[in-house]
Amino acid sequence: MIHIESPVQQRYTLGDFFDLWGQPLATDQVGPALGTLTVYVDARPFTGSPRDIALGSHEDIQIDVGTPVVPPKRVDWSATSL
């Protein structure tokens, strides 16, 4: 879970988060893991750069490296106060 509080209103991305974390994020790498990426945003396939994924409220982002690919599962946020 990523929670953002900022005095500046701007669009933050998954790439921004990985930069702050000091970890690489590319089309073939997540942190130290290298390989073919399969990316889902809100249980839908995402084909662009994972760095460009906007971090929005209650967004479900899943990144699989290599195989097997785990089918995406949606999180039911309605039962939370988040």
PDB file of N, CA and C in Angstrom:
ATOM      1  N   MET A   1       0.844  -1.154   0.000  1.00  0.00           N
ATOM      2  CA  MET A   1       0.000   0.000   0.000  1.00  0.00           C
ATOM      3  C   MET A   1       0.900   1.231   0.000  1.00  0.00           C
ATOM      4  N   ILE A   2       0.568   2.169  -0.846  1.00  0.00           N
ATOM      5  CA  ILE A   2       1.291   3.439  -0.922  1.00  0.00           C
ATOM      6  C   ILE A   2       0.317   4.535  -0.520  1.00  0.00           C
ATOM      7  N   HIS A   3       0.708   5.346   0.447  1.00  0.00           N
ATOM      8  CA  HIS A   3      -0.125   6.463   0.896  1.00  0.00           C
ATOM      9  C   HIS A   3       0.666   7.743   0.661  1.00  0.00           C
ATOM     10  N   ILE A   4       0.050   8.711  -0.006  1.00  0.00           N
ATOM     11  CA  ILE A   4       0.734   9.963  -0.329  1.00  0.00           C
ATOM     12  C   ILE A   4       0.040  11.117   0.376  1.00  0.00           C
ATOM     13  N   GLU A   5       0.834  11.903   1.090  1.00  0.00           N
ATOM     14  CA  GLU A   5       0.375  13.187   1.621  1.00  0.00           C
ATOM     15  C   GLU A   5       1.424  14.204   1.212  1.00  0.00           C
ATOM     16  N   SER A   6       1.002  15.223   0.506  1.00  0.00           N
ATOM     17  CA  SER A   6       1.950  16.207   0.002  1.00  0.00           C
ATOM     18  C   SER A   6       1.323  17.593   0.040  1.00  0.00           C
ATOM     19  N   PRO A   7       2.121  18.607   0.397  1.00  0.00           N
ATOM     20  CA  PRO A   7       1.598  19.971   0.348  1.00  0.00           C
ATOM     21  C   PRO A   7       1.453  20.474  -1.090  1.00  0.00           C
ATOM     22  N   VAL A   8       2.015  19.735  -2.026  1.00  0.00           N
ATOM     23  CA  VAL A   8       1.972  20.109  -3.439  1.00  0.00           C
ATOM     24  C   VAL A   8       0.985  19.207  -4.166  1.00  0.00           C
ATOM     25  N   GLN A   9       0.008  19.807  -4.837  1.00  0.00           N
ATOM     26  CA  GLN A   9      -0.941  19.036  -5.638  1.00  0.00           C
ATOM     27  C   GLN A   9      -0.297  18.754  -6.988  1.00  0.00           C
ATOM     28  N   GLN A  10       0.006  17.496  -7.230  1.00  0.00           N
ATOM     29  CA  GLN A  10       0.546  17.105  -8.525  1.00  0.00           C
ATOM     30  C   GLN A  10       0.249  15.636  -8.752  1.00  0.00           C
ATOM     31  N   ARG A  11       0.483  15.197  -9.969  1.00  0.00           N
ATOM     32  CA  ARG A  11       0.274  13.795 -10.336  1.00  0.00           C
ATOM     33  C   ARG A  11       1.533  13.021  -9.969  1.00  0.00           C
ATOM     34  N   TYR A  12       1.385  12.050  -9.087  1.00  0.00           N
ATOM     35  CA  TYR A  12       2.507  11.196  -8.717  1.00  0.00           C
ATOM     36  C   TYR A  12       2.374   9.868  -9.457  1.00  0.00           C
ATOM     37  N   THR A  13       3.518   9.274  -9.781  1.00  0.00           N
ATOM     38  CA  THR A  13       3.522   8.021 -10.532  1.00  0.00           C
ATOM     39  C   THR A  13       4.256   6.933  -9.756  1.00  0.00           C
ATOM     40  N   LEU A  14       4.094   5.714 -10.227  1.00  0.00           N
ATOM     41  CA  LEU A  14       4.817   4.600  -9.633  1.00  0.00           C
ATOM     42  C   LEU A  14       6.324   4.808  -9.791  1.00  0.00           C
ATOM     43  N   GLY A  15       6.733   5.431 -10.879  1.00  0.00           N
ATOM     44  CA  GLY A  15       8.145   5.761 -11.072  1.00  0.00           C
ATOM     45  C   GLY A  15       8.659   6.705  -9.997  1.00  0.00           C
ATOM     46  N   ASP A  16       7.843   7.703  -9.611  1.00  0.00           N
ATOM     47  CA  ASP A  16       8.223   8.611  -8.520  1.00  0.00           C
ATOM     48  C   ASP A  16       8.456   7.831  -7.233  1.00  0.00           C
ATOM     49  N   PHE A  17       7.555   6.890  -6.933  1.00  0.00           N
ATOM     50  CA  PHE A  17       7.676   6.083  -5.717  1.00  0.00           C
ATOM     51  C   PHE A  17       8.966   5.265  -5.733  1.00  0.00           C
ATOM     52  N   PHE A  18       9.242   4.595  -6.852  1.00  0.00           N
ATOM     53  CA  PHE A  18      10.458   3.786  -6.932  1.00  0.00           C
ATOM     54  C   PHE A  18      11.713   4.658  -6.845  1.00  0.00           C
ATOM     55  N   ASP A  19      11.665   5.875  -7.401  1.00  0.00           N
ATOM     56  CA  ASP A  19      12.803   6.789  -7.286  1.00  0.00           C
ATOM     57  C   ASP A  19      13.054   7.154  -5.825  1.00  0.00           C
ATOM     58  N   LEU A  20      11.995   7.495  -5.086  1.00  0.00           N
ATOM     59  CA  LEU A  20      12.138   7.808  -3.658  1.00  0.00           C
ATOM     60  C   LEU A  20      12.646   6.606  -2.878  1.00  0.00           C
ATOM     61  N   TRP A  21      12.218   5.434  -3.266  1.00  0.00           N
ATOM     62  CA  TRP A  21      12.599   4.179  -2.629  1.00  0.00           C
ATOM     63  C   TRP A  21      14.044   3.803  -2.970  1.00  0.00           C
ATOM     64  N   GLY A  22      14.572   4.406  -4.053  1.00  0.00           N
ATOM     65  CA  GLY A  22      15.929   4.099  -4.482  1.00  0.00           C
ATOM     66  C   GLY A  22      16.053   2.768  -5.197  1.00  0.00           C
ATOM     67  N   GLN A  23      14.959   2.359  -5.852  1.00  0.00           N
ATOM     68  CA  GLN A  23      14.936   1.075  -6.553  1.00  0.00           C
ATOM     69  C   GLN A  23      14.629   1.299  -8.032  1.00  0.00           C
ATOM     70  N   PRO A  24      15.208   0.472  -8.904  1.00  0.00           N
ATOM     71  CA  PRO A  24      14.922   0.611 -10.328  1.00  0.00           C
ATOM     72  C   PRO A  24      13.524   0.099 -10.686  1.00  0.00           C
ATOM     73  N   LEU A  25      12.937   0.740 -11.663  1.00  0.00           N
ATOM     74  CA  LEU A  25      11.663   0.294 -12.229  1.00  0.00           C
ATOM     75  C   LEU A  25      11.715   0.587 -13.717  1.00  0.00           C
ATOM     76  N   ALA A  26      11.630  -0.458 -14.520  1.00  0.00           N
ATOM     77  CA  ALA A  26      11.699  -0.330 -15.976  1.00  0.00           C
ATOM     78  C   ALA A  26      10.791  -1.386 -16.589  1.00  0.00           C
ATOM     79  N   THR A  27      10.760  -1.447 -17.905  1.00  0.00           N
ATOM     80  CA  THR A  27       9.895  -2.420 -18.579  1.00  0.00           C
ATOM     81  C   THR A  27      10.386  -3.850 -18.408  1.00  0.00           C
ATOM     82  N   ASP A  28      11.605  -4.023 -17.878  1.00  0.00           N
ATOM     83  CA  ASP A  28      12.137  -5.373 -17.664  1.00  0.00           C
ATOM     84  C   ASP A  28      12.754  -5.556 -16.273  1.00  0.00           C
ATOM     85  N   GLN A  29      12.457  -4.626 -15.349  1.00  0.00           N
ATOM     86  CA  GLN A  29      13.051  -4.718 -14.015  1.00  0.00           C
ATOM     87  C   GLN A  29      12.166  -4.054 -12.972  1.00  0.00           C
ATOM     88  N   VAL A  30      12.018  -4.749 -11.837  1.00  0.00           N
ATOM     89  CA  VAL A  30      11.333  -4.204 -10.662  1.00  0.00           C
ATOM     90  C   VAL A  30      12.256  -4.459  -9.479  1.00  0.00           C
ATOM     91  N   GLY A  31      12.841  -3.392  -8.916  1.00  0.00           N
ATOM     92  CA  GLY A  31      13.829  -3.593  -7.867  1.00  0.00           C
ATOM     93  C   GLY A  31      14.955  -4.447  -8.421  1.00  0.00           C
ATOM     94  N   PRO A  32      15.389  -5.463  -7.674  1.00  0.00           N
ATOM     95  CA  PRO A  32      16.478  -6.313  -8.159  1.00  0.00           C
ATOM     96  C   PRO A  32      16.028  -7.395  -9.147  1.00  0.00           C
ATOM     97  N   ALA A  33      14.714  -7.578  -9.316  1.00  0.00           N
ATOM     98  CA  ALA A  33      14.192  -8.657 -10.169  1.00  0.00           C
ATOM     99  C   ALA A  33      14.205  -8.238 -11.638  1.00  0.00           C
ATOM    100  N   LEU A  34      14.814  -9.069 -12.468  1.00  0.00           N
ATOM    101  CA  LEU A  34      14.876  -8.838 -13.911  1.00  0.00           C
ATOM    102  C   LEU A  34      14.046  -9.881 -14.638  1.00  0.00           C
ATOM    103  N   GLY A  35      13.368  -9.472 -15.706  1.00  0.00           N
ATOM    104  CA  GLY A  35      12.613 -10.420 -16.510  1.00  0.00           C
ATOM    105  C   GLY A  35      11.456  -9.754 -17.209  1.00  0.00           C
ATOM    106  N   THR A  36      10.647 -10.568 -17.833  1.00  0.00           N
ATOM    107  CA  THR A  36       9.458 -10.084 -18.526  1.00  0.00           C
ATOM    108  C   THR A  36       8.425  -9.651 -17.495  1.00  0.00           C
ATOM    109  N   LEU A  37       7.917  -8.426 -17.649  1.00  0.00           N
ATOM    110  CA  LEU A  37       6.914  -7.915 -16.716  1.00  0.00           C
ATOM    111  C   LEU A  37       5.515  -8.105 -17.275  1.00  0.00           C
ATOM    112  N   THR A  38       4.596  -8.475 -16.406  1.00  0.00           N
ATOM    113  CA  THR A  38       3.171  -8.454 -16.700  1.00  0.00           C
ATOM    114  C   THR A  38       2.566  -7.510 -15.676  1.00  0.00           C
ATOM    115  N   VAL A  39       1.912  -6.458 -16.162  1.00  0.00           N
ATOM    116  CA  VAL A  39       1.420  -5.404 -15.275  1.00  0.00           C
ATOM    117  C   VAL A  39      -0.090  -5.285 -15.413  1.00  0.00           C
ATOM    118  N   TYR A  40      -0.764  -5.164 -14.275  1.00  0.00           N
ATOM    119  CA  TYR A  40      -2.207  -4.939 -14.232  1.00  0.00           C
ATOM    120  C   TYR A  40      -2.481  -3.683 -13.412  1.00  0.00           C
ATOM    121  N   VAL A  41      -3.424  -2.881 -13.887  1.00  0.00           N
ATOM    122  CA  VAL A  41      -3.925  -1.740 -13.129  1.00  0.00           C
ATOM    123  C   VAL A  41      -5.428  -1.927 -13.021  1.00  0.00           C
ATOM    124  N   ASP A  42      -5.907  -2.029 -11.797  1.00  0.00           N
ATOM    125  CA  ASP A  42      -7.329  -2.303 -11.542  1.00  0.00           C
ATOM    126  C   ASP A  42      -7.794  -3.540 -12.308  1.00  0.00           C
ATOM    127  N   ALA A  43      -6.976  -4.594 -12.264  1.00  0.00           N
ATOM    128  CA  ALA A  43      -7.258  -5.915 -12.850  1.00  0.00           C
ATOM    129  C   ALA A  43      -7.294  -5.906 -14.379  1.00  0.00           C
ATOM    130  N   ARG A  44      -6.855  -4.802 -15.004  1.00  0.00           N
ATOM    131  CA  ARG A  44      -6.793  -4.727 -16.467  1.00  0.00           C
ATOM    132  C   ARG A  44      -5.327  -4.705 -16.905  1.00  0.00           C
ATOM    133  N   PRO A  45      -4.988  -5.402 -17.977  1.00  0.00           N
ATOM    134  CA  PRO A  45      -3.604  -5.385 -18.454  1.00  0.00           C
ATOM    135  C   PRO A  45      -3.137  -3.962 -18.767  1.00  0.00           C
ATOM    136  N   PHE A  46      -1.909  -3.668 -18.396  1.00  0.00           N
ATOM    137  CA  PHE A  46      -1.286  -2.371 -18.666  1.00  0.00           C
ATOM    138  C   PHE A  46      -0.064  -2.632 -19.531  1.00  0.00           C
ATOM    139  N   THR A  47       0.045  -1.962 -20.683  1.00  0.00           N
ATOM    140  CA  THR A  47       1.116  -2.263 -21.626  1.00  0.00           C
ATOM    141  C   THR A  47       2.167  -1.167 -21.740  1.00  0.00           C
ATOM    142  N   GLY A  48       1.979  -0.055 -21.068  1.00  0.00           N
ATOM    143  CA  GLY A  48       2.973   1.014 -21.131  1.00  0.00           C
ATOM    144  C   GLY A  48       4.093   0.796 -20.128  1.00  0.00           C
ATOM    145  N   SER A  49       4.879   1.835 -19.920  1.00  0.00           N
ATOM    146  CA  SER A  49       5.954   1.776 -18.932  1.00  0.00           C
ATOM    147  C   SER A  49       5.352   1.793 -17.530  1.00  0.00           C
ATOM    148  N   PRO A  50       5.754   0.872 -16.661  1.00  0.00           N
ATOM    149  CA  PRO A  50       5.217   0.891 -15.298  1.00  0.00           C
ATOM    150  C   PRO A  50       5.576   2.178 -14.561  1.00  0.00           C
ATOM    151  N   ARG A  51       6.611   2.873 -14.993  1.00  0.00           N
ATOM    152  CA  ARG A  51       6.985   4.148 -14.367  1.00  0.00           C
ATOM    153  C   ARG A  51       5.895   5.203 -14.552  1.00  0.00           C
ATOM    154  N   ASP A  52       5.090   5.070 -15.611  1.00  0.00           N
ATOM    155  CA  ASP A  52       4.078   6.075 -15.942  1.00  0.00           C
ATOM    156  C   ASP A  52       2.735   5.846 -15.259  1.00  0.00           C
ATOM    157  N   ILE A  53       2.590   4.781 -14.494  1.00  0.00           N
ATOM    158  CA  ILE A  53       1.306   4.494 -13.853  1.00  0.00           C
ATOM    159  C   ILE A  53       1.028   5.556 -12.796  1.00  0.00           C
ATOM    160  N   ALA A  54      -0.079   6.269 -12.967  1.00  0.00           N
ATOM    161  CA  ALA A  54      -0.469   7.301 -12.004  1.00  0.00           C
ATOM    162  C   ALA A  54      -0.947   6.642 -10.714  1.00  0.00           C
ATOM    163  N   LEU A  55      -0.527   7.215  -9.592  1.00  0.00           N
ATOM    164  CA  LEU A  55      -0.966   6.712  -8.292  1.00  0.00           C
ATOM    165  C   LEU A  55      -2.239   7.449  -7.904  1.00  0.00           C
ATOM    166  N   GLY A  56      -3.353   6.735  -7.958  1.00  0.00           N
ATOM    167  CA  GLY A  56      -4.645   7.313  -7.626  1.00  0.00           C
ATOM    168  C   GLY A  56      -5.236   6.641  -6.409  1.00  0.00           C
ATOM    169  N   SER A  57      -6.307   7.197  -5.932  1.00  0.00           N
ATOM    170  CA  SER A  57      -6.987   6.653  -4.760  1.00  0.00           C
ATOM    171  C   SER A  57      -7.532   5.260  -5.052  1.00  0.00           C
ATOM    172  N   HIS A  58      -7.203   4.318  -4.202  1.00  0.00           N
ATOM    173  CA  HIS A  58      -7.697   2.936  -4.277  1.00  0.00           C
ATOM    174  C   HIS A  58      -7.340   2.243  -5.586  1.00  0.00           C
ATOM    175  N   GLU A  59      -6.221   2.606  -6.162  1.00  0.00           N
ATOM    176  CA  GLU A  59      -5.757   1.969  -7.395  1.00  0.00           C
ATOM    177  C   GLU A  59      -5.075   0.648  -7.044  1.00  0.00           C
ATOM    178  N   ASP A  60      -5.426  -0.416  -7.743  1.00  0.00           N
ATOM    179  CA  ASP A  60      -4.785  -1.718  -7.557  1.00  0.00           C
ATOM    180  C   ASP A  60      -3.757  -1.902  -8.664  1.00  0.00           C
ATOM    181  N   ILE A  61      -2.484  -1.998  -8.282  1.00  0.00           N
ATOM    182  CA  ILE A  61      -1.399  -2.175  -9.247  1.00  0.00           C
ATOM    183  C   ILE A  61      -0.690  -3.481  -8.918  1.00  0.00           C
ATOM    184  N   GLN A  62      -0.595  -4.355  -9.907  1.00  0.00           N
ATOM    185  CA  GLN A  62       0.080  -5.644  -9.724  1.00  0.00           C
ATOM    186  C   GLN A  62       1.151  -5.775 -10.791  1.00  0.00           C
ATOM    187  N   ILE A  63       2.369  -6.118 -10.360  1.00  0.00           N
ATOM    188  CA  ILE A  63       3.473  -6.335 -11.290  1.00  0.00           C
ATOM    189  C   ILE A  63       4.034  -7.726 -11.043  1.00  0.00           C
ATOM    190  N   ASP A  64       3.999  -8.565 -12.062  1.00  0.00           N
ATOM    191  CA  ASP A  64       4.589  -9.902 -11.999  1.00  0.00           C
ATOM    192  C   ASP A  64       5.850  -9.896 -12.852  1.00  0.00           C
ATOM    193  N   VAL A  65       6.902 -10.524 -12.343  1.00  0.00           N
ATOM    194  CA  VAL A  65       8.153 -10.652 -13.087  1.00  0.00           C
ATOM    195  C   VAL A  65       8.335 -12.119 -13.431  1.00  0.00           C
ATOM    196  N   GLY A  66       8.472 -12.418 -14.731  1.00  0.00           N
ATOM    197  CA  GLY A  66       8.649 -13.802 -15.154  1.00  0.00           C
ATOM    198  C   GLY A  66       7.345 -14.579 -15.133  1.00  0.00           C
ATOM    199  N   THR A  67       7.464 -15.881 -14.980  1.00  0.00           N
ATOM    200  CA  THR A  67       6.296 -16.761 -14.958  1.00  0.00           C
ATOM    201  C   THR A  67       6.348 -17.600 -13.698  1.00  0.00           C
ATOM    202  N   PRO A  68       5.254 -18.124 -13.220  1.00  0.00           N
ATOM    203  CA  PRO A  68       3.910 -17.973 -13.776  1.00  0.00           C
ATOM    204  C   PRO A  68       3.326 -16.607 -13.427  1.00  0.00           C
ATOM    205  N   VAL A  69       2.422 -16.147 -14.272  1.00  0.00           N
ATOM    206  CA  VAL A  69       1.710 -14.897 -14.017  1.00  0.00           C
ATOM    207  C   VAL A  69       0.517 -15.210 -13.136  1.00  0.00           C
ATOM    208  N   VAL A  70       0.399 -14.476 -12.055  1.00  0.00           N
ATOM    209  CA  VAL A  70      -0.712 -14.665 -11.124  1.00  0.00           C
ATOM    210  C   VAL A  70      -1.885 -13.819 -11.607  1.00  0.00           C
ATOM    211  N   PRO A  71      -3.079 -14.404 -11.767  1.00  0.00           N
ATOM    212  CA  PRO A  71      -4.227 -13.606 -12.194  1.00  0.00           C
ATOM    213  C   PRO A  71      -4.484 -12.463 -11.210  1.00  0.00           C
ATOM    214  N   PRO A  72      -4.853 -11.287 -11.734  1.00  0.00           N
ATOM    215  CA  PRO A  72      -5.073 -10.145 -10.843  1.00  0.00           C
ATOM    216  C   PRO A  72      -6.308 -10.340  -9.975  1.00  0.00           C
ATOM    217  N   LYS A  73      -6.233  -9.790  -8.776  1.00  0.00           N
ATOM    218  CA  LYS A  73      -7.381  -9.800  -7.865  1.00  0.00           C
ATOM    219  C   LYS A  73      -7.657  -8.375  -7.438  1.00  0.00           C
ATOM    220  N   ARG A  74      -8.905  -8.000  -7.487  1.00  0.00           N
ATOM    221  CA  ARG A  74      -9.306  -6.659  -7.064  1.00  0.00           C
ATOM    222  C   ARG A  74      -9.434  -6.620  -5.553  1.00  0.00           C
ATOM    223  N   VAL A  75      -9.105  -5.485  -4.978  1.00  0.00           N
ATOM    224  CA  VAL A  75      -9.285  -5.260  -3.552  1.00  0.00           C
ATOM    225  C   VAL A  75     -10.609  -4.539  -3.368  1.00  0.00           C
ATOM    226  N   ASP A  76     -11.431  -5.032  -2.446  1.00  0.00           N
ATOM    227  CA  ASP A  76     -12.704  -4.380  -2.144  1.00  0.00           C
ATOM    228  C   ASP A  76     -12.454  -3.321  -1.074  1.00  0.00           C
ATOM    229  N   TRP A  77     -12.336  -2.076  -1.507  1.00  0.00           N
ATOM    230  CA  TRP A  77     -12.046  -0.977  -0.591  1.00  0.00           C
ATOM    231  C   TRP A  77     -13.281  -0.494   0.152  1.00  0.00           C
ATOM    232  N   SER A  78     -14.471  -0.944  -0.232  1.00  0.00           N
ATOM    233  CA  SER A  78     -15.707  -0.420   0.365  1.00  0.00           C
ATOM    234  C   SER A  78     -15.821  -0.733   1.853  1.00  0.00           C
ATOM    235  N   ALA A  79     -15.156  -1.787   2.315  1.00  0.00           N
ATOM    236  CA  ALA A  79     -15.249  -2.159   3.727  1.00  0.00           C
ATOM    237  C   ALA A  79     -14.197  -1.454   4.581  1.00  0.00           C
ATOM    238  N   THR A  80     -13.438  -0.536   3.994  1.00  0.00           N
ATOM    239  CA  THR A  80     -12.393   0.164   4.738  1.00  0.00           C
ATOM    240  C   THR A  80     -12.720   1.641   4.833  1.00  0.00           C
ATOM    241  N   SER A  81     -12.005   2.316   5.686  1.00  0.00           N
ATOM    242  CA  SER A  81     -12.175   3.766   5.789  1.00  0.00           C
ATOM    243  C   SER A  81     -11.046   4.485   5.060  1.00  0.00           C
ATOM    244  N   LEU A  82     -10.362   3.769   4.186  1.00  0.00           N
ATOM    245  CA  LEU A  82      -9.240   4.366   3.460  1.00  0.00           C
ATOM    246  C   LEU A  82      -9.702   5.103   2.232  1.00  0.00           C
TER     247      LEU A  82
END
